N, C-alpha and C. Protein backbone atom coordinates (compact mmCIF):
# COMPACT_ATOMS: atom_id res chain seq x y z
N MET A 1 7.05 51.84 18.67
CA MET A 1 6.86 51.10 17.43
C MET A 1 5.70 50.13 17.64
N ASN A 2 4.66 50.28 16.82
CA ASN A 2 3.46 49.46 16.94
C ASN A 2 3.41 48.49 15.76
N LEU A 3 3.67 47.23 16.03
CA LEU A 3 3.67 46.22 14.98
C LEU A 3 2.28 45.59 14.87
N GLU A 4 1.97 45.18 13.70
CA GLU A 4 0.70 44.50 13.45
C GLU A 4 0.68 43.15 14.18
N PRO A 5 -0.49 42.74 14.67
CA PRO A 5 -0.58 41.41 15.29
C PRO A 5 -0.20 40.28 14.33
N ALA A 6 -0.43 40.47 13.03
CA ALA A 6 -0.06 39.45 12.05
C ALA A 6 1.44 39.18 12.09
N PHE A 7 2.23 40.22 12.35
CA PHE A 7 3.67 40.05 12.45
C PHE A 7 4.01 39.14 13.63
N TYR A 8 3.33 39.32 14.75
CA TYR A 8 3.57 38.47 15.93
C TYR A 8 3.17 37.01 15.64
N TRP A 9 2.05 36.85 14.93
CA TRP A 9 1.64 35.49 14.54
C TRP A 9 2.70 34.86 13.65
N LEU A 10 3.23 35.63 12.72
CA LEU A 10 4.27 35.13 11.80
C LEU A 10 5.52 34.72 12.57
N ILE A 11 5.98 35.58 13.47
CA ILE A 11 7.19 35.27 14.26
C ILE A 11 6.95 34.03 15.11
N ALA A 12 5.78 33.95 15.77
CA ALA A 12 5.47 32.78 16.59
C ALA A 12 5.45 31.51 15.74
N GLY A 13 4.87 31.59 14.53
CA GLY A 13 4.83 30.43 13.63
C GLY A 13 6.22 29.98 13.22
N ILE A 14 7.09 30.93 12.91
CA ILE A 14 8.47 30.58 12.52
C ILE A 14 9.22 29.95 13.68
N VAL A 15 9.08 30.53 14.88
CA VAL A 15 9.73 29.96 16.06
C VAL A 15 9.24 28.55 16.32
N LEU A 16 7.92 28.32 16.20
CA LEU A 16 7.37 26.98 16.43
C LEU A 16 7.86 25.99 15.38
N MET A 17 8.02 26.42 14.14
CA MET A 17 8.55 25.51 13.10
C MET A 17 10.00 25.15 13.40
N ILE A 18 10.78 26.11 13.89
CA ILE A 18 12.17 25.82 14.24
C ILE A 18 12.21 24.84 15.41
N ILE A 19 11.35 25.03 16.41
CA ILE A 19 11.28 24.09 17.54
C ILE A 19 10.91 22.70 17.03
N GLU A 20 9.97 22.64 16.09
CA GLU A 20 9.56 21.34 15.53
C GLU A 20 10.73 20.64 14.86
N LEU A 21 11.57 21.39 14.17
CA LEU A 21 12.73 20.80 13.50
C LEU A 21 13.77 20.29 14.49
N LEU A 22 13.84 20.90 15.66
CA LEU A 22 14.85 20.52 16.65
C LEU A 22 14.41 19.34 17.53
N LEU A 23 13.12 19.10 17.63
CA LEU A 23 12.61 18.05 18.52
C LEU A 23 12.04 16.89 17.70
N THR A 24 12.00 15.73 18.34
CA THR A 24 11.37 14.59 17.68
C THR A 24 9.87 14.65 17.94
N GLY A 25 9.12 13.97 17.12
CA GLY A 25 7.67 13.99 17.26
C GLY A 25 7.08 15.05 16.35
N VAL A 26 5.77 15.05 16.29
CA VAL A 26 5.06 16.02 15.46
C VAL A 26 4.01 16.68 16.35
N PHE A 27 4.33 17.84 16.90
CA PHE A 27 3.40 18.56 17.76
C PHE A 27 3.41 20.04 17.43
N PHE A 28 4.58 20.64 17.43
CA PHE A 28 4.68 22.08 17.26
C PHE A 28 4.28 22.54 15.87
N ILE A 29 4.32 21.63 14.88
CA ILE A 29 3.91 22.01 13.53
C ILE A 29 2.45 22.41 13.51
N TYR A 30 1.62 21.76 14.34
CA TYR A 30 0.20 22.11 14.39
C TYR A 30 0.00 23.49 15.00
N LEU A 31 0.81 23.82 15.99
CA LEU A 31 0.73 25.16 16.56
C LEU A 31 1.18 26.20 15.53
N ALA A 32 2.19 25.85 14.72
CA ALA A 32 2.65 26.76 13.66
C ALA A 32 1.55 26.96 12.62
N ILE A 33 0.85 25.89 12.29
CA ILE A 33 -0.29 26.00 11.37
C ILE A 33 -1.36 26.89 11.98
N GLY A 34 -1.57 26.74 13.29
CA GLY A 34 -2.52 27.60 13.99
C GLY A 34 -2.13 29.06 13.91
N CYS A 35 -0.84 29.35 13.99
CA CYS A 35 -0.37 30.74 13.87
C CYS A 35 -0.71 31.31 12.50
N ILE A 36 -0.66 30.48 11.48
CA ILE A 36 -1.05 30.94 10.14
C ILE A 36 -2.53 31.34 10.16
N GLY A 37 -3.35 30.53 10.84
CA GLY A 37 -4.78 30.86 10.95
C GLY A 37 -5.00 32.17 11.69
N GLY A 38 -4.26 32.40 12.77
CA GLY A 38 -4.36 33.66 13.50
C GLY A 38 -3.91 34.84 12.66
N MET A 39 -2.87 34.64 11.88
CA MET A 39 -2.35 35.70 11.02
C MET A 39 -3.37 36.06 9.93
N VAL A 40 -3.97 35.05 9.32
CA VAL A 40 -4.98 35.29 8.29
C VAL A 40 -6.18 36.01 8.89
N ALA A 41 -6.59 35.61 10.10
CA ALA A 41 -7.71 36.28 10.76
C ALA A 41 -7.41 37.75 11.00
N ASP A 42 -6.17 38.07 11.36
CA ASP A 42 -5.78 39.48 11.54
C ASP A 42 -5.84 40.23 10.22
N TRP A 43 -5.36 39.62 9.15
CA TRP A 43 -5.40 40.26 7.83
C TRP A 43 -6.83 40.54 7.39
N LEU A 44 -7.74 39.65 7.81
CA LEU A 44 -9.15 39.84 7.45
C LEU A 44 -9.84 40.86 8.34
N GLY A 45 -9.13 41.39 9.31
CA GLY A 45 -9.67 42.46 10.14
C GLY A 45 -10.33 42.02 11.42
N PHE A 46 -10.19 40.77 11.81
CA PHE A 46 -10.78 40.30 13.05
C PHE A 46 -9.96 40.77 14.25
N GLY A 47 -10.60 40.92 15.38
CA GLY A 47 -9.93 41.29 16.61
C GLY A 47 -9.25 40.09 17.24
N LEU A 48 -8.82 40.25 18.49
CA LEU A 48 -8.11 39.19 19.19
C LEU A 48 -8.94 37.91 19.31
N THR A 49 -10.23 38.05 19.60
CA THR A 49 -11.10 36.87 19.72
C THR A 49 -11.17 36.11 18.40
N GLY A 50 -11.31 36.84 17.30
CA GLY A 50 -11.35 36.22 15.98
C GLY A 50 -10.03 35.57 15.61
N GLN A 51 -8.93 36.19 16.04
CA GLN A 51 -7.62 35.61 15.77
C GLN A 51 -7.42 34.31 16.53
N ILE A 52 -7.83 34.29 17.78
CA ILE A 52 -7.73 33.05 18.58
C ILE A 52 -8.62 31.96 17.98
N PHE A 53 -9.81 32.36 17.52
CA PHE A 53 -10.70 31.41 16.85
C PHE A 53 -10.04 30.87 15.58
N GLY A 54 -9.42 31.76 14.78
CA GLY A 54 -8.72 31.33 13.56
C GLY A 54 -7.56 30.41 13.89
N PHE A 55 -6.84 30.72 14.97
CA PHE A 55 -5.74 29.87 15.45
C PHE A 55 -6.26 28.46 15.76
N THR A 56 -7.36 28.39 16.51
CA THR A 56 -7.94 27.10 16.92
C THR A 56 -8.45 26.32 15.72
N ILE A 57 -9.17 26.99 14.84
CA ILE A 57 -9.71 26.31 13.65
C ILE A 57 -8.58 25.79 12.77
N ALA A 58 -7.50 26.56 12.61
CA ALA A 58 -6.37 26.12 11.78
C ALA A 58 -5.70 24.90 12.38
N ILE A 59 -5.58 24.86 13.71
CA ILE A 59 -5.02 23.66 14.36
C ILE A 59 -5.89 22.45 14.08
N LEU A 60 -7.20 22.59 14.22
CA LEU A 60 -8.10 21.47 13.98
C LEU A 60 -8.05 21.01 12.53
N ILE A 61 -7.99 21.96 11.61
CA ILE A 61 -7.87 21.60 10.19
C ILE A 61 -6.54 20.89 9.94
N GLY A 62 -5.46 21.39 10.55
CA GLY A 62 -4.16 20.73 10.42
C GLY A 62 -4.19 19.31 10.94
N LEU A 63 -4.81 19.12 12.10
CA LEU A 63 -4.91 17.76 12.65
C LEU A 63 -5.74 16.87 11.75
N LEU A 64 -6.83 17.41 11.23
CA LEU A 64 -7.74 16.62 10.40
C LEU A 64 -7.10 16.20 9.08
N PHE A 65 -6.39 17.14 8.44
CA PHE A 65 -5.89 16.86 7.09
C PHE A 65 -4.43 16.43 7.02
N PHE A 66 -3.59 16.87 7.96
CA PHE A 66 -2.17 16.60 7.84
C PHE A 66 -1.65 15.52 8.78
N ARG A 67 -2.41 15.13 9.79
CA ARG A 67 -1.92 14.17 10.78
C ARG A 67 -1.48 12.86 10.13
N ARG A 68 -2.31 12.30 9.28
CA ARG A 68 -1.98 11.03 8.63
C ARG A 68 -0.72 11.18 7.77
N PHE A 69 -0.60 12.30 7.05
CA PHE A 69 0.58 12.54 6.22
C PHE A 69 1.84 12.62 7.07
N PHE A 70 1.81 13.40 8.15
CA PHE A 70 2.99 13.55 9.00
C PHE A 70 3.37 12.22 9.65
N ASN A 71 2.40 11.49 10.15
CA ASN A 71 2.71 10.20 10.78
C ASN A 71 3.27 9.20 9.79
N ARG A 72 2.70 9.17 8.60
CA ARG A 72 3.20 8.23 7.58
C ARG A 72 4.59 8.62 7.13
N THR A 73 4.84 9.91 6.99
CA THR A 73 6.13 10.39 6.52
C THR A 73 7.23 10.22 7.55
N PHE A 74 6.94 10.54 8.80
CA PHE A 74 7.98 10.55 9.82
C PHE A 74 8.04 9.30 10.68
N PHE A 75 6.95 8.54 10.76
CA PHE A 75 6.93 7.41 11.68
C PHE A 75 6.63 6.08 11.01
N LEU A 76 6.42 6.05 9.71
CA LEU A 76 6.16 4.82 8.95
C LEU A 76 4.98 4.02 9.47
N THR A 77 4.01 4.66 10.09
CA THR A 77 2.85 3.94 10.57
C THR A 77 2.03 3.49 9.38
N GLY A 78 1.68 2.22 9.38
CA GLY A 78 0.91 1.69 8.28
C GLY A 78 1.73 1.49 7.03
N GLY A 79 3.02 1.75 7.11
CA GLY A 79 3.88 1.64 5.94
C GLY A 79 4.57 0.30 5.90
N GLU A 80 5.82 0.33 5.52
CA GLU A 80 6.58 -0.90 5.36
C GLU A 80 6.91 -1.53 6.71
N LYS A 81 7.01 -2.85 6.70
CA LYS A 81 7.37 -3.57 7.92
C LYS A 81 8.89 -3.53 8.08
N THR A 82 9.32 -3.49 9.33
CA THR A 82 10.75 -3.46 9.60
C THR A 82 11.12 -4.51 10.63
N ASN A 83 12.40 -4.74 10.77
CA ASN A 83 12.96 -5.67 11.75
C ASN A 83 12.33 -7.05 11.61
N THR A 84 12.01 -7.70 12.72
CA THR A 84 11.49 -9.06 12.65
C THR A 84 10.10 -9.13 12.04
N ASP A 85 9.33 -8.04 12.09
CA ASP A 85 8.01 -8.04 11.45
C ASP A 85 8.12 -8.26 9.95
N ALA A 86 9.23 -7.84 9.37
CA ALA A 86 9.43 -8.00 7.93
C ALA A 86 9.69 -9.46 7.55
N LEU A 87 10.03 -10.30 8.51
CA LEU A 87 10.30 -11.72 8.23
C LEU A 87 9.02 -12.54 8.09
N ILE A 88 7.96 -12.10 8.73
CA ILE A 88 6.71 -12.86 8.72
C ILE A 88 6.15 -12.89 7.31
N GLY A 89 5.83 -14.10 6.86
CA GLY A 89 5.31 -14.30 5.51
C GLY A 89 6.38 -14.62 4.49
N ARG A 90 7.65 -14.54 4.87
CA ARG A 90 8.73 -14.84 3.93
C ARG A 90 8.98 -16.34 3.82
N LYS A 91 9.53 -16.72 2.71
CA LYS A 91 9.85 -18.12 2.43
C LYS A 91 11.23 -18.45 3.00
N ALA A 92 11.36 -19.64 3.58
CA ALA A 92 12.63 -20.12 4.12
C ALA A 92 12.85 -21.55 3.65
N ILE A 93 14.09 -21.97 3.62
CA ILE A 93 14.45 -23.34 3.23
C ILE A 93 14.96 -24.08 4.47
N VAL A 94 14.40 -25.26 4.71
CA VAL A 94 14.80 -26.06 5.86
C VAL A 94 16.19 -26.63 5.62
N THR A 95 17.13 -26.37 6.55
CA THR A 95 18.49 -26.89 6.43
C THR A 95 18.74 -28.03 7.42
N GLU A 96 17.90 -28.14 8.43
CA GLU A 96 17.96 -29.21 9.42
C GLU A 96 16.52 -29.48 9.81
N THR A 97 16.09 -30.72 9.72
CA THR A 97 14.69 -31.09 9.93
C THR A 97 14.05 -30.29 11.07
N VAL A 98 12.88 -29.71 10.77
CA VAL A 98 12.17 -28.87 11.73
C VAL A 98 10.97 -29.62 12.29
N SER A 99 10.82 -29.58 13.60
CA SER A 99 9.66 -30.16 14.28
C SER A 99 9.31 -29.26 15.46
N ASP A 100 8.45 -29.77 16.35
CA ASP A 100 8.11 -28.98 17.53
C ASP A 100 9.29 -28.90 18.50
N GLN A 101 10.30 -29.75 18.31
CA GLN A 101 11.50 -29.72 19.14
C GLN A 101 12.56 -28.75 18.62
N GLY A 102 12.39 -28.32 17.38
CA GLY A 102 13.35 -27.39 16.80
C GLY A 102 13.91 -27.87 15.49
N GLY A 103 14.80 -27.10 14.94
CA GLY A 103 15.44 -27.37 13.66
C GLY A 103 16.05 -26.07 13.18
N ARG A 104 16.48 -26.05 11.91
CA ARG A 104 17.10 -24.82 11.39
C ARG A 104 16.59 -24.56 9.98
N VAL A 105 16.50 -23.26 9.66
CA VAL A 105 16.09 -22.85 8.32
C VAL A 105 17.04 -21.76 7.83
N LEU A 106 17.11 -21.64 6.50
CA LEU A 106 17.88 -20.57 5.87
C LEU A 106 16.87 -19.50 5.45
N LEU A 107 17.02 -18.33 6.04
CA LEU A 107 16.06 -17.24 5.82
C LEU A 107 16.83 -15.97 5.52
N GLY A 108 16.68 -15.46 4.31
CA GLY A 108 17.36 -14.22 3.94
C GLY A 108 18.87 -14.33 4.03
N GLY A 109 19.43 -15.49 3.72
CA GLY A 109 20.87 -15.67 3.76
C GLY A 109 21.43 -15.97 5.14
N GLU A 110 20.57 -16.09 6.15
CA GLU A 110 21.01 -16.38 7.51
C GLU A 110 20.32 -17.64 8.02
N HIS A 111 21.03 -18.36 8.89
CA HIS A 111 20.46 -19.56 9.50
C HIS A 111 19.73 -19.17 10.78
N TRP A 112 18.51 -19.65 10.91
CA TRP A 112 17.67 -19.36 12.08
C TRP A 112 17.23 -20.67 12.73
N ARG A 113 17.10 -20.65 14.05
CA ARG A 113 16.47 -21.76 14.76
C ARG A 113 14.99 -21.69 14.42
N ALA A 114 14.38 -22.84 14.16
CA ALA A 114 12.98 -22.86 13.76
C ALA A 114 12.21 -23.94 14.50
N VAL A 115 10.94 -23.70 14.73
CA VAL A 115 10.02 -24.68 15.31
C VAL A 115 8.76 -24.70 14.46
N SER A 116 8.06 -25.83 14.54
CA SER A 116 6.82 -25.98 13.77
C SER A 116 5.95 -27.02 14.44
N ASP A 117 4.66 -26.94 14.21
CA ASP A 117 3.72 -27.92 14.75
C ASP A 117 3.79 -29.24 13.99
N MET A 118 4.30 -29.21 12.78
CA MET A 118 4.44 -30.43 12.00
C MET A 118 5.88 -30.59 11.53
N MET A 119 6.24 -31.76 11.09
CA MET A 119 7.60 -32.08 10.67
C MET A 119 7.83 -31.55 9.25
N HIS A 120 9.00 -30.91 9.06
CA HIS A 120 9.39 -30.43 7.74
C HIS A 120 10.78 -31.00 7.46
N ALA A 121 10.90 -31.70 6.33
CA ALA A 121 12.16 -32.36 5.98
C ALA A 121 13.17 -31.36 5.45
N GLU A 122 14.43 -31.75 5.56
CA GLU A 122 15.52 -30.92 5.05
C GLU A 122 15.33 -30.68 3.56
N GLY A 123 15.52 -29.41 3.14
CA GLY A 123 15.38 -29.05 1.73
C GLY A 123 14.00 -28.55 1.36
N SER A 124 13.00 -28.72 2.23
CA SER A 124 11.66 -28.26 1.90
C SER A 124 11.52 -26.75 2.15
N ALA A 125 10.60 -26.16 1.43
CA ALA A 125 10.33 -24.72 1.58
C ALA A 125 9.20 -24.53 2.58
N VAL A 126 9.37 -23.57 3.46
CA VAL A 126 8.37 -23.25 4.48
C VAL A 126 8.16 -21.74 4.51
N MET A 127 7.12 -21.33 5.25
CA MET A 127 6.83 -19.91 5.38
C MET A 127 6.91 -19.52 6.86
N VAL A 128 7.51 -18.38 7.13
CA VAL A 128 7.63 -17.88 8.51
C VAL A 128 6.28 -17.32 8.94
N THR A 129 5.77 -17.79 10.08
CA THR A 129 4.48 -17.31 10.58
C THR A 129 4.63 -16.43 11.83
N ALA A 130 5.76 -16.55 12.55
CA ALA A 130 5.97 -15.73 13.74
C ALA A 130 7.46 -15.71 14.06
N VAL A 131 7.86 -14.70 14.82
CA VAL A 131 9.25 -14.59 15.27
C VAL A 131 9.23 -14.34 16.76
N SER A 132 10.02 -15.13 17.49
CA SER A 132 10.15 -14.93 18.93
C SER A 132 11.63 -14.99 19.27
N GLY A 133 12.22 -13.83 19.52
CA GLY A 133 13.65 -13.77 19.79
C GLY A 133 14.42 -14.17 18.54
N ALA A 134 15.26 -15.20 18.68
CA ALA A 134 16.05 -15.68 17.55
C ALA A 134 15.48 -16.96 16.97
N THR A 135 14.20 -17.23 17.26
CA THR A 135 13.54 -18.43 16.76
C THR A 135 12.36 -18.04 15.90
N VAL A 136 12.24 -18.69 14.74
CA VAL A 136 11.10 -18.44 13.87
C VAL A 136 10.16 -19.65 13.93
N ARG A 137 8.88 -19.39 13.87
CA ARG A 137 7.88 -20.45 13.76
C ARG A 137 7.53 -20.53 12.29
N VAL A 138 7.55 -21.73 11.77
CA VAL A 138 7.29 -21.92 10.34
C VAL A 138 6.10 -22.84 10.13
N ALA A 139 5.56 -22.76 8.94
CA ALA A 139 4.44 -23.61 8.54
C ALA A 139 4.63 -23.96 7.06
N GLN A 140 3.85 -24.91 6.62
CA GLN A 140 3.92 -25.34 5.22
C GLN A 140 3.50 -24.16 4.35
N LEU A 141 4.16 -24.02 3.21
CA LEU A 141 3.81 -22.96 2.26
C LEU A 141 2.39 -23.18 1.76
N PRO A 142 1.59 -22.15 1.67
CA PRO A 142 0.23 -22.31 1.12
C PRO A 142 0.31 -22.67 -0.36
N GLU A 143 -0.57 -23.52 -0.77
CA GLU A 143 -0.60 -23.95 -2.19
C GLU A 143 -1.37 -22.92 -2.98
N ASN A 144 -0.79 -22.56 -4.14
CA ASN A 144 -1.43 -21.55 -4.99
C ASN A 144 -2.32 -22.18 -6.02
């Protein structure tokens, strides 16, 4: 039984997509895209060298056009901030006078230890500028 090389490219592409679904990261999808390029090259009548060239070009095109999409979709790069990074820039209310020695603020419904280069009186609004462990650094809210 003599199968077309395009069939082998198709099977390899499907296997690589299944591997991609089972593993974390985004790597095998580019090889699967490359298999599509090899398959198309076979359909166009190219020999093994042309198919390998089509495989390589398809991988490069996949990297060029889909890399940003895959990373943004699966890894949130450049997207929304999470964890303590999401606290930076948020408004907090001073619940215990804050100075360079410490104090406390109410941030997102939780009380946090806070420090600042200047004194902030109880009840004043401040902005979080940094987070270090369970301590936030605050500063005066910018005037609009």
